[in-house]
Amino acid sequence: MPKLKITQTRSQIGQSQKHRGTLRALGLGKIGRSVEREDTPETLGMLRKVRHLVRIED
């Protein structure tokens, strides 16, 4: 399964509780932190919710 590298680029301050929870579920929470996740429909749905806060690389 292909992997995605997800890096948080913007702060979660001022965002809704749902967006903060989504970042936490992805394993993010601080600007500059990166994680690798598998390219699944569930992960893509979570990334769609917070796409304005993260950078996604293949």
PDB file of N, CA and C in Angstrom:
ATOM      1  N   MET A   1       0.840  -1.183   0.000  1.00  0.00           N
ATOM      2  CA  MET A   1       0.000   0.000   0.000  1.00  0.00           C
ATOM      3  C   MET A   1       0.887   1.250   0.000  1.00  0.00           C
ATOM      4  N   PRO A   2       0.597   2.212  -0.862  1.00  0.00           N
ATOM      5  CA  PRO A   2       1.422   3.429  -0.895  1.00  0.00           C
ATOM      6  C   PRO A   2       1.298   4.250   0.384  1.00  0.00           C
ATOM      7  N   LYS A   3       2.365   4.961   0.692  1.00  0.00           N
ATOM      8  CA  LYS A   3       2.390   5.785   1.906  1.00  0.00           C
ATOM      9  C   LYS A   3       2.318   7.260   1.529  1.00  0.00           C
ATOM     10  N   LEU A   4       1.739   8.046   2.425  1.00  0.00           N
ATOM     11  CA  LEU A   4       1.694   9.495   2.290  1.00  0.00           C
ATOM     12  C   LEU A   4       2.484  10.109   3.432  1.00  0.00           C
ATOM     13  N   LYS A   5       3.279  11.120   3.132  1.00  0.00           N
ATOM     14  CA  LYS A   5       3.972  11.867   4.182  1.00  0.00           C
ATOM     15  C   LYS A   5       3.160  13.135   4.431  1.00  0.00           C
ATOM     16  N   ILE A   6       2.702  13.306   5.670  1.00  0.00           N
ATOM     17  CA  ILE A   6       1.841  14.422   6.034  1.00  0.00           C
ATOM     18  C   ILE A   6       2.605  15.295   7.023  1.00  0.00           C
ATOM     19  N   THR A   7       2.708  16.597   6.717  1.00  0.00           N
ATOM     20  CA  THR A   7       3.409  17.552   7.568  1.00  0.00           C
ATOM     21  C   THR A   7       2.456  18.671   7.935  1.00  0.00           C
ATOM     22  N   GLN A   8       2.365  18.979   9.210  1.00  0.00           N
ATOM     23  CA  GLN A   8       1.526  20.091   9.640  1.00  0.00           C
ATOM     24  C   GLN A   8       2.247  21.397   9.362  1.00  0.00           C
ATOM     25  N   THR A   9       1.555  22.319   8.666  1.00  0.00           N
ATOM     26  CA  THR A   9       2.181  23.580   8.269  1.00  0.00           C
ATOM     27  C   THR A   9       1.554  24.789   8.949  1.00  0.00           C
ATOM     28  N   ARG A  10       0.360  24.643   9.492  1.00  0.00           N
ATOM     29  CA  ARG A  10      -0.306  25.765  10.140  1.00  0.00           C
ATOM     30  C   ARG A  10      -0.786  25.343  11.521  1.00  0.00           C
ATOM     31  N   SER A  11      -1.013  26.334  12.374  1.00  0.00           N
ATOM     32  CA  SER A  11      -1.407  26.088  13.754  1.00  0.00           C
ATOM     33  C   SER A  11      -2.858  25.620  13.842  1.00  0.00           C
ATOM     34  N   GLN A  12      -3.138  24.853  14.881  1.00  0.00           N
ATOM     35  CA  GLN A  12      -4.509  24.418  15.120  1.00  0.00           C
ATOM     36  C   GLN A  12      -5.281  25.407  15.995  1.00  0.00           C
ATOM     37  N   ILE A  13      -4.592  26.441  16.474  1.00  0.00           N
ATOM     38  CA  ILE A  13      -5.259  27.464  17.279  1.00  0.00           C
ATOM     39  C   ILE A  13      -6.272  28.187  16.407  1.00  0.00           C
ATOM     40  N   GLY A  14      -7.459  28.347  16.920  1.00  0.00           N
ATOM     41  CA  GLY A  14      -8.516  29.024  16.183  1.00  0.00           C
ATOM     42  C   GLY A  14      -9.326  28.105  15.293  1.00  0.00           C
ATOM     43  N   GLN A  15      -8.948  26.844  15.225  1.00  0.00           N
ATOM     44  CA  GLN A  15      -9.693  25.877  14.417  1.00  0.00           C
ATOM     45  C   GLN A  15     -10.793  25.236  15.263  1.00  0.00           C
ATOM     46  N   SER A  16     -11.733  24.589  14.595  1.00  0.00           N
ATOM     47  CA  SER A  16     -12.826  23.945  15.313  1.00  0.00           C
ATOM     48  C   SER A  16     -12.319  22.712  16.067  1.00  0.00           C
ATOM     49  N   GLN A  17     -13.107  22.268  16.996  1.00  0.00           N
ATOM     50  CA  GLN A  17     -12.755  21.088  17.794  1.00  0.00           C
ATOM     51  C   GLN A  17     -12.612  19.859  16.896  1.00  0.00           C
ATOM     52  N   LYS A  18     -13.423  19.756  15.856  1.00  0.00           N
ATOM     53  CA  LYS A  18     -13.336  18.625  14.930  1.00  0.00           C
ATOM     54  C   LYS A  18     -12.006  18.624  14.184  1.00  0.00           C
ATOM     55  N   HIS A  19     -11.550  19.796  13.759  1.00  0.00           N
ATOM     56  CA  HIS A  19     -10.273  19.865  13.048  1.00  0.00           C
ATOM     57  C   HIS A  19      -9.123  19.509  13.981  1.00  0.00           C
ATOM     58  N   ARG A  20      -9.168  19.975  15.214  1.00  0.00           N
ATOM     59  CA  ARG A  20      -8.108  19.636  16.173  1.00  0.00           C
ATOM     60  C   ARG A  20      -8.108  18.140  16.458  1.00  0.00           C
ATOM     61  N   GLY A  21      -9.288  17.543  16.567  1.00  0.00           N
ATOM     62  CA  GLY A  21      -9.374  16.104  16.787  1.00  0.00           C
ATOM     63  C   GLY A  21      -8.847  15.305  15.606  1.00  0.00           C
ATOM     64  N   THR A  22      -9.111  15.804  14.405  1.00  0.00           N
ATOM     65  CA  THR A  22      -8.616  15.123  13.206  1.00  0.00           C
ATOM     66  C   THR A  22      -7.094  15.164  13.154  1.00  0.00           C
ATOM     67  N   LEU A  23      -6.502  16.319  13.479  1.00  0.00           N
ATOM     68  CA  LEU A  23      -5.042  16.405  13.523  1.00  0.00           C
ATOM     69  C   LEU A  23      -4.479  15.447  14.561  1.00  0.00           C
ATOM     70  N   ARG A  24      -5.120  15.367  15.719  1.00  0.00           N
ATOM     71  CA  ARG A  24      -4.658  14.471  16.779  1.00  0.00           C
ATOM     72  C   ARG A  24      -4.745  13.019  16.307  1.00  0.00           C
ATOM     73  N   ALA A  25      -5.823  12.668  15.601  1.00  0.00           N
ATOM     74  CA  ALA A  25      -5.994  11.292  15.111  1.00  0.00           C
ATOM     75  C   ALA A  25      -4.947  10.946  14.055  1.00  0.00           C
ATOM     76  N   LEU A  26      -4.498  11.946  13.313  1.00  0.00           N
ATOM     77  CA  LEU A  26      -3.444  11.724  12.322  1.00  0.00           C
ATOM     78  C   LEU A  26      -2.068  11.620  12.966  1.00  0.00           C
ATOM     79  N   GLY A  27      -1.947  12.014  14.229  1.00  0.00           N
ATOM     80  CA  GLY A  27      -0.667  11.962  14.919  1.00  0.00           C
ATOM     81  C   GLY A  27       0.087  13.272  14.854  1.00  0.00           C
ATOM     82  N   LEU A  28      -0.620  14.356  14.528  1.00  0.00           N
ATOM     83  CA  LEU A  28      -0.005  15.670  14.435  1.00  0.00           C
ATOM     84  C   LEU A  28      -0.435  16.513  15.625  1.00  0.00           C
ATOM     85  N   GLY A  29       0.066  17.732  15.723  1.00  0.00           N
ATOM     86  CA  GLY A  29      -0.316  18.597  16.818  1.00  0.00           C
ATOM     87  C   GLY A  29       0.608  19.792  16.958  1.00  0.00           C
ATOM     88  N   LYS A  30       1.779  19.707  16.349  1.00  0.00           N
ATOM     89  CA  LYS A  30       2.724  20.826  16.377  1.00  0.00           C
ATOM     90  C   LYS A  30       3.142  21.130  14.950  1.00  0.00           C
ATOM     91  N   ILE A  31       3.377  22.399  14.680  1.00  0.00           N
ATOM     92  CA  ILE A  31       3.812  22.811  13.348  1.00  0.00           C
ATOM     93  C   ILE A  31       5.174  22.181  13.057  1.00  0.00           C
ATOM     94  N   GLY A  32       5.300  21.625  11.864  1.00  0.00           N
ATOM     95  CA  GLY A  32       6.562  21.005  11.456  1.00  0.00           C
ATOM     96  C   GLY A  32       6.628  19.518  11.730  1.00  0.00           C
ATOM     97  N   ARG A  33       5.706  18.982  12.495  1.00  0.00           N
ATOM     98  CA  ARG A  33       5.710  17.543  12.783  1.00  0.00           C
ATOM     99  C   ARG A  33       5.220  16.782  11.551  1.00  0.00           C
ATOM    100  N   SER A  34       5.859  15.665  11.248  1.00  0.00           N
ATOM    101  CA  SER A  34       5.505  14.847  10.087  1.00  0.00           C
ATOM    102  C   SER A  34       5.202  13.422  10.516  1.00  0.00           C
ATOM    103  N   VAL A  35       4.292  12.799   9.790  1.00  0.00           N
ATOM    104  CA  VAL A  35       3.965  11.394   9.997  1.00  0.00           C
ATOM    105  C   VAL A  35       3.788  10.737   8.634  1.00  0.00           C
ATOM    106  N   GLU A  36       3.892   9.415   8.609  1.00  0.00           N
ATOM    107  CA  GLU A  36       3.608   8.654   7.395  1.00  0.00           C
ATOM    108  C   GLU A  36       2.393   7.795   7.647  1.00  0.00           C
ATOM    109  N   ARG A  37       1.431   7.857   6.738  1.00  0.00           N
ATOM    110  CA  ARG A  37       0.196   7.093   6.838  1.00  0.00           C
ATOM    111  C   ARG A  37      -0.051   6.383   5.516  1.00  0.00           C
ATOM    112  N   GLU A  38      -0.750   5.257   5.582  1.00  0.00           N
ATOM    113  CA  GLU A  38      -1.102   4.545   4.360  1.00  0.00           C
ATOM    114  C   GLU A  38      -2.189   5.308   3.615  1.00  0.00           C
ATOM    115  N   ASP A  39      -2.186   5.157   2.310  1.00  0.00           N
ATOM    116  CA  ASP A  39      -3.131   5.846   1.425  1.00  0.00           C
ATOM    117  C   ASP A  39      -4.445   5.062   1.395  1.00  0.00           C
ATOM    118  N   THR A  40      -5.290   5.262   2.407  1.00  0.00           N
ATOM    119  CA  THR A  40      -6.584   4.587   2.496  1.00  0.00           C
ATOM    120  C   THR A  40      -7.699   5.616   2.364  1.00  0.00           C
ATOM    121  N   PRO A  41      -8.914   5.201   2.038  1.00  0.00           N
ATOM    122  CA  PRO A  41     -10.032   6.147   1.956  1.00  0.00           C
ATOM    123  C   PRO A  41     -10.286   6.882   3.280  1.00  0.00           C
ATOM    124  N   GLU A  42     -10.058   6.222   4.397  1.00  0.00           N
ATOM    125  CA  GLU A  42     -10.265   6.857   5.700  1.00  0.00           C
ATOM    126  C   GLU A  42      -9.267   7.989   5.913  1.00  0.00           C
ATOM    127  N   THR A  43      -8.005   7.731   5.588  1.00  0.00           N
ATOM    128  CA  THR A  43      -6.965   8.751   5.742  1.00  0.00           C
ATOM    129  C   THR A  43      -7.224   9.922   4.795  1.00  0.00           C
ATOM    130  N   LEU A  44      -7.611   9.630   3.561  1.00  0.00           N
ATOM    131  CA  LEU A  44      -7.877  10.696   2.603  1.00  0.00           C
ATOM    132  C   LEU A  44      -9.054  11.557   3.043  1.00  0.00           C
ATOM    133  N   GLY A  45     -10.050  10.963   3.665  1.00  0.00           N
ATOM    134  CA  GLY A  45     -11.178  11.734   4.186  1.00  0.00           C
ATOM    135  C   GLY A  45     -10.753  12.658   5.310  1.00  0.00           C
ATOM    136  N   MET A  46      -9.881  12.178   6.189  1.00  0.00           N
ATOM    137  CA  MET A  46      -9.390  13.019   7.282  1.00  0.00           C
ATOM    138  C   MET A  46      -8.538  14.161   6.722  1.00  0.00           C
ATOM    139  N   LEU A  47      -7.734  13.869   5.706  1.00  0.00           N
ATOM    140  CA  LEU A  47      -6.891  14.908   5.118  1.00  0.00           C
ATOM    141  C   LEU A  47      -7.727  15.957   4.395  1.00  0.00           C
ATOM    142  N   ARG A  48      -8.847  15.543   3.817  1.00  0.00           N
ATOM    143  CA  ARG A  48      -9.717  16.500   3.149  1.00  0.00           C
ATOM    144  C   ARG A  48     -10.262  17.526   4.141  1.00  0.00           C
ATOM    145  N   LYS A  49     -10.498  17.102   5.390  1.00  0.00           N
ATOM    146  CA  LYS A  49     -11.024  17.996   6.418  1.00  0.00           C
ATOM    147  C   LYS A  49     -10.006  19.046   6.848  1.00  0.00           C
ATOM    148  N   VAL A  50      -8.722  18.687   6.859  1.00  0.00           N
ATOM    149  CA  VAL A  50      -7.689  19.602   7.381  1.00  0.00           C
ATOM    150  C   VAL A  50      -6.668  19.967   6.311  1.00  0.00           C
ATOM    151  N   ARG A  51      -7.062  19.947   5.035  1.00  0.00           N
ATOM    152  CA  ARG A  51      -6.111  20.196   3.957  1.00  0.00           C
ATOM    153  C   ARG A  51      -5.510  21.587   4.010  1.00  0.00           C
ATOM    154  N   HIS A  52      -6.168  22.541   4.693  1.00  0.00           N
ATOM    155  CA  HIS A  52      -5.639  23.896   4.793  1.00  0.00           C
ATOM    156  C   HIS A  52      -4.568  24.004   5.894  1.00  0.00           C
ATOM    157  N   LEU A  53      -4.364  22.933   6.672  1.00  0.00           N
ATOM    158  CA  LEU A  53      -3.406  22.956   7.771  1.00  0.00           C
ATOM    159  C   LEU A  53      -2.180  22.082   7.530  1.00  0.00           C
ATOM    160  N   VAL A  54      -2.216  21.254   6.478  1.00  0.00           N
ATOM    161  CA  VAL A  54      -1.150  20.271   6.267  1.00  0.00           C
ATOM    162  C   VAL A  54      -0.616  20.328   4.841  1.00  0.00           C
ATOM    163  N   ARG A  55       0.582  19.735   4.657  1.00  0.00           N
ATOM    164  CA  ARG A  55       1.172  19.524   3.336  1.00  0.00           C
ATOM    165  C   ARG A  55       1.284  18.017   3.149  1.00  0.00           C
ATOM    166  N   ILE A  56       0.893  17.535   1.976  1.00  0.00           N
ATOM    167  CA  ILE A  56       0.850  16.099   1.703  1.00  0.00           C
ATOM    168  C   ILE A  56       1.827  15.788   0.573  1.00  0.00           C
ATOM    169  N   GLU A  57       2.686  14.791   0.803  1.00  0.00           N
ATOM    170  CA  GLU A  57       3.648  14.345  -0.208  1.00  0.00           C
ATOM    171  C   GLU A  57       3.488  12.840  -0.389  1.00  0.00           C
ATOM    172  N   ASP A  58       3.799  12.366  -1.588  1.00  0.00           N
ATOM    173  CA  ASP A  58       3.730  10.925  -1.850  1.00  0.00           C
ATOM    174  C   ASP A  58       4.996  10.249  -1.406  1.00  0.00           C
TER     175      ASP A  58
END
